[in-house]
Every structure is written in C-alpha cells, then in structure tokens.
Amino acid sequence: MGALVQATIGGIALVLWLLIFARLLLSWVDPTGRTPVAAFLVSMTEWLLGPVRRMLPQAGMFDFSGLLVLLVLGAVMRAFL
C-alpha cells in the first residue's frame, strides 16, 4: 500500500479518534448536549457511534460504544501510522 494512502487512512482515523474522545469528555461536562460544540461533535460522530451502539447489548445506563470505537480506531492508527 502506498505511503500516501497509509497516511490518509491514519490521518482520518486520528481525526475521528479525537472527535469521539472529545465527545466522550464533553458528555461528562454537558450530558444534555445543548451547546454548539456538543451539537457539532454529535453530528460528526453519530454516524459511527450509532450503529455500534445498536449492535452492543444494553449495559444499564452505560454506553460502551465510544470506548469500543476508540479501541478499534487506535488499532487502525497503529497499523497505518
């Protein structure tokens, strides 16, 4: 695989990782998500977190979809960067 393709995939994975991490941190501070920053983060990450959330079994009030996606993206970044 070419270096440009590897760098592109790794870069996209890094940006997604940062957005999801920011969303997870913001959910502790602003759980209702009423700020413009929270709305932006939800709009940028829900396409990835939503399907994962539906596939995972219910864990009470905890949502492990973000953690799972962060782990997978971390593996992708290690493979491509």
N, C-alpha and C. Protein backbone atom coordinates (compact mmCIF):
# COMPACT_ATOMS: atom_id res chain seq x y z
N MET A 1 0.85 -1.17 0.00
CA MET A 1 0.00 0.00 0.00
C MET A 1 0.89 1.23 0.00
N GLY A 2 0.49 2.23 -0.74
CA GLY A 2 1.29 3.43 -0.86
C GLY A 2 1.34 4.24 0.42
N ALA A 3 2.41 5.00 0.53
CA ALA A 3 2.60 5.81 1.73
C ALA A 3 1.51 6.87 1.86
N LEU A 4 1.05 7.42 0.72
CA LEU A 4 0.02 8.44 0.76
C LEU A 4 -1.31 7.86 1.26
N VAL A 5 -1.65 6.66 0.81
CA VAL A 5 -2.88 6.01 1.25
C VAL A 5 -2.79 5.68 2.74
N GLN A 6 -1.66 5.17 3.18
CA GLN A 6 -1.47 4.86 4.60
C GLN A 6 -1.60 6.11 5.46
N ALA A 7 -0.98 7.19 5.03
CA ALA A 7 -1.05 8.44 5.79
C ALA A 7 -2.47 8.99 5.82
N THR A 8 -3.20 8.85 4.72
CA THR A 8 -4.57 9.34 4.66
C THR A 8 -5.48 8.55 5.60
N ILE A 9 -5.39 7.23 5.55
CA ILE A 9 -6.22 6.39 6.42
C ILE A 9 -5.86 6.64 7.88
N GLY A 10 -4.58 6.72 8.18
CA GLY A 10 -4.15 7.00 9.55
C GLY A 10 -4.60 8.36 10.02
N GLY A 11 -4.55 9.36 9.15
CA GLY A 11 -4.98 10.71 9.50
C GLY A 11 -6.47 10.80 9.76
N ILE A 12 -7.26 10.12 8.92
CA ILE A 12 -8.71 10.09 9.13
C ILE A 12 -9.04 9.40 10.44
N ALA A 13 -8.36 8.28 10.72
CA ALA A 13 -8.58 7.57 11.98
C ALA A 13 -8.22 8.45 13.17
N LEU A 14 -7.15 9.22 13.07
CA LEU A 14 -6.74 10.11 14.15
C LEU A 14 -7.77 11.21 14.39
N VAL A 15 -8.26 11.82 13.33
CA VAL A 15 -9.27 12.88 13.47
C VAL A 15 -10.55 12.31 14.09
N LEU A 16 -10.99 11.14 13.63
CA LEU A 16 -12.18 10.51 14.23
C LEU A 16 -11.95 10.18 15.69
N TRP A 17 -10.77 9.69 16.02
CA TRP A 17 -10.45 9.35 17.41
C TRP A 17 -10.55 10.60 18.29
N LEU A 18 -9.98 11.70 17.82
CA LEU A 18 -10.02 12.94 18.59
C LEU A 18 -11.45 13.45 18.76
N LEU A 19 -12.27 13.39 17.70
CA LEU A 19 -13.65 13.84 17.79
C LEU A 19 -14.45 13.00 18.77
N ILE A 20 -14.28 11.68 18.71
CA ILE A 20 -15.03 10.81 19.62
C ILE A 20 -14.55 10.99 21.05
N PHE A 21 -13.25 11.13 21.25
CA PHE A 21 -12.71 11.36 22.58
C PHE A 21 -13.26 12.67 23.15
N ALA A 22 -13.30 13.71 22.33
CA ALA A 22 -13.84 15.00 22.78
C ALA A 22 -15.32 14.86 23.13
N ARG A 23 -16.05 14.07 22.34
CA ARG A 23 -17.47 13.86 22.64
C ARG A 23 -17.66 13.13 23.97
N LEU A 24 -16.83 12.13 24.21
CA LEU A 24 -16.93 11.40 25.47
C LEU A 24 -16.61 12.29 26.67
N LEU A 25 -15.58 13.12 26.54
CA LEU A 25 -15.24 14.04 27.63
C LEU A 25 -16.34 15.07 27.84
N LEU A 26 -16.89 15.58 26.75
CA LEU A 26 -17.93 16.59 26.86
C LEU A 26 -19.21 16.01 27.46
N SER A 27 -19.44 14.71 27.27
CA SER A 27 -20.65 14.11 27.85
C SER A 27 -20.60 14.11 29.37
N TRP A 28 -19.43 14.21 29.95
CA TRP A 28 -19.32 14.30 31.42
C TRP A 28 -19.65 15.71 31.89
N VAL A 29 -19.28 16.70 31.09
CA VAL A 29 -19.48 18.10 31.47
C VAL A 29 -20.87 18.59 31.09
N ASP A 30 -21.31 18.25 29.88
CA ASP A 30 -22.60 18.70 29.36
C ASP A 30 -23.38 17.49 28.85
N PRO A 31 -23.97 16.70 29.75
CA PRO A 31 -24.63 15.46 29.32
C PRO A 31 -25.86 15.68 28.45
N THR A 32 -26.47 16.85 28.52
CA THR A 32 -27.64 17.11 27.68
C THR A 32 -27.25 17.47 26.26
N GLY A 33 -26.04 17.96 26.05
CA GLY A 33 -25.56 18.29 24.72
C GLY A 33 -26.24 19.49 24.10
N ARG A 34 -26.47 20.51 24.88
CA ARG A 34 -27.18 21.69 24.37
C ARG A 34 -26.26 22.76 23.81
N THR A 35 -24.96 22.62 23.97
CA THR A 35 -24.04 23.65 23.47
C THR A 35 -23.76 23.42 21.99
N PRO A 36 -23.33 24.46 21.28
CA PRO A 36 -22.99 24.30 19.87
C PRO A 36 -21.83 23.31 19.65
N VAL A 37 -20.89 23.27 20.58
CA VAL A 37 -19.78 22.32 20.46
C VAL A 37 -20.29 20.89 20.54
N ALA A 38 -21.19 20.64 21.49
CA ALA A 38 -21.75 19.30 21.63
C ALA A 38 -22.55 18.91 20.40
N ALA A 39 -23.31 19.83 19.85
CA ALA A 39 -24.09 19.55 18.64
C ALA A 39 -23.16 19.22 17.47
N PHE A 40 -22.07 19.95 17.35
CA PHE A 40 -21.10 19.67 16.29
C PHE A 40 -20.48 18.28 16.47
N LEU A 41 -20.07 17.95 17.69
CA LEU A 41 -19.45 16.66 17.93
C LEU A 41 -20.43 15.51 17.68
N VAL A 42 -21.67 15.69 18.08
CA VAL A 42 -22.67 14.65 17.82
C VAL A 42 -22.88 14.48 16.33
N SER A 43 -22.99 15.58 15.60
CA SER A 43 -23.22 15.48 14.16
C SER A 43 -22.04 14.85 13.43
N MET A 44 -20.84 15.02 13.94
CA MET A 44 -19.65 14.47 13.28
C MET A 44 -19.38 13.01 13.65
N THR A 45 -19.93 12.52 14.76
CA THR A 45 -19.57 11.17 15.22
C THR A 45 -20.73 10.20 15.31
N GLU A 46 -21.96 10.68 15.26
CA GLU A 46 -23.11 9.78 15.45
C GLU A 46 -23.22 8.74 14.33
N TRP A 47 -22.79 9.07 13.13
CA TRP A 47 -22.85 8.10 12.03
C TRP A 47 -22.01 6.86 12.32
N LEU A 48 -20.99 7.01 13.16
CA LEU A 48 -20.13 5.88 13.51
C LEU A 48 -20.56 5.24 14.83
N LEU A 49 -20.94 6.04 15.79
CA LEU A 49 -21.30 5.51 17.10
C LEU A 49 -22.70 4.88 17.13
N GLY A 50 -23.62 5.39 16.36
CA GLY A 50 -24.99 4.89 16.36
C GLY A 50 -25.10 3.41 16.02
N PRO A 51 -24.54 2.96 14.89
CA PRO A 51 -24.62 1.53 14.55
C PRO A 51 -23.91 0.64 15.56
N VAL A 52 -22.80 1.11 16.11
CA VAL A 52 -22.08 0.32 17.12
C VAL A 52 -22.93 0.21 18.38
N ARG A 53 -23.58 1.30 18.77
CA ARG A 53 -24.44 1.30 19.95
C ARG A 53 -25.59 0.31 19.80
N ARG A 54 -26.16 0.22 18.58
CA ARG A 54 -27.26 -0.70 18.35
C ARG A 54 -26.81 -2.16 18.37
N MET A 55 -25.55 -2.43 18.01
CA MET A 55 -25.05 -3.81 17.99
C MET A 55 -24.66 -4.31 19.37
N LEU A 56 -24.27 -3.41 20.26
CA LEU A 56 -23.85 -3.82 21.60
C LEU A 56 -25.06 -4.11 22.48
N PRO A 57 -24.93 -5.06 23.40
CA PRO A 57 -26.04 -5.31 24.33
C PRO A 57 -26.18 -4.15 25.32
N GLN A 58 -27.36 -4.00 25.86
CA GLN A 58 -27.61 -2.95 26.85
C GLN A 58 -26.78 -3.20 28.10
N ALA A 59 -26.18 -2.14 28.63
CA ALA A 59 -25.36 -2.24 29.84
C ALA A 59 -25.87 -1.24 30.87
N GLY A 60 -27.15 -1.22 31.06
CA GLY A 60 -27.72 -0.28 32.02
C GLY A 60 -27.63 1.14 31.49
N MET A 61 -27.13 2.04 32.30
CA MET A 61 -27.02 3.43 31.88
C MET A 61 -25.69 3.73 31.19
N PHE A 62 -24.83 2.74 31.05
CA PHE A 62 -23.52 2.96 30.45
C PHE A 62 -23.57 2.71 28.95
N ASP A 63 -22.86 3.54 28.21
CA ASP A 63 -22.75 3.41 26.76
C ASP A 63 -21.29 3.12 26.42
N PHE A 64 -21.03 1.89 26.03
CA PHE A 64 -19.66 1.48 25.75
C PHE A 64 -19.30 1.61 24.27
N SER A 65 -20.18 2.15 23.45
CA SER A 65 -19.90 2.25 22.02
C SER A 65 -18.70 3.16 21.75
N GLY A 66 -18.59 4.26 22.48
CA GLY A 66 -17.46 5.17 22.28
C GLY A 66 -16.14 4.52 22.62
N LEU A 67 -16.11 3.78 23.71
CA LEU A 67 -14.89 3.09 24.11
C LEU A 67 -14.48 2.04 23.07
N LEU A 68 -15.45 1.29 22.58
CA LEU A 68 -15.16 0.27 21.58
C LEU A 68 -14.63 0.89 20.29
N VAL A 69 -15.25 1.97 19.85
CA VAL A 69 -14.80 2.64 18.63
C VAL A 69 -13.41 3.24 18.83
N LEU A 70 -13.14 3.80 20.00
CA LEU A 70 -11.80 4.34 20.27
C LEU A 70 -10.74 3.23 20.22
N LEU A 71 -11.05 2.07 20.75
CA LEU A 71 -10.10 0.96 20.71
C LEU A 71 -9.84 0.50 19.28
N VAL A 72 -10.89 0.40 18.47
CA VAL A 72 -10.72 -0.02 17.08
C VAL A 72 -9.94 1.03 16.31
N LEU A 73 -10.27 2.29 16.49
CA LEU A 73 -9.54 3.36 15.80
C LEU A 73 -8.08 3.42 16.23
N GLY A 74 -7.83 3.14 17.50
CA GLY A 74 -6.44 3.08 17.97
C GLY A 74 -5.66 1.97 17.28
N ALA A 75 -6.30 0.83 17.07
CA ALA A 75 -5.65 -0.27 16.34
C ALA A 75 -5.40 0.11 14.89
N VAL A 76 -6.35 0.81 14.28
CA VAL A 76 -6.18 1.25 12.89
C VAL A 76 -5.02 2.24 12.80
N MET A 77 -4.95 3.17 13.76
CA MET A 77 -3.86 4.15 13.74
C MET A 77 -2.51 3.46 13.90
N ARG A 78 -2.42 2.46 14.77
CA ARG A 78 -1.16 1.73 14.95
C ARG A 78 -0.76 1.00 13.68
N ALA A 79 -1.74 0.49 12.96
CA ALA A 79 -1.46 -0.25 11.74
C ALA A 79 -1.03 0.65 10.59
N PHE A 80 -1.58 1.86 10.53
CA PHE A 80 -1.34 2.72 9.38
C PHE A 80 -0.40 3.88 9.64
N LEU A 81 -0.09 4.21 10.87
CA LEU A 81 0.82 5.33 11.12
C LEU A 81 2.15 4.86 11.65
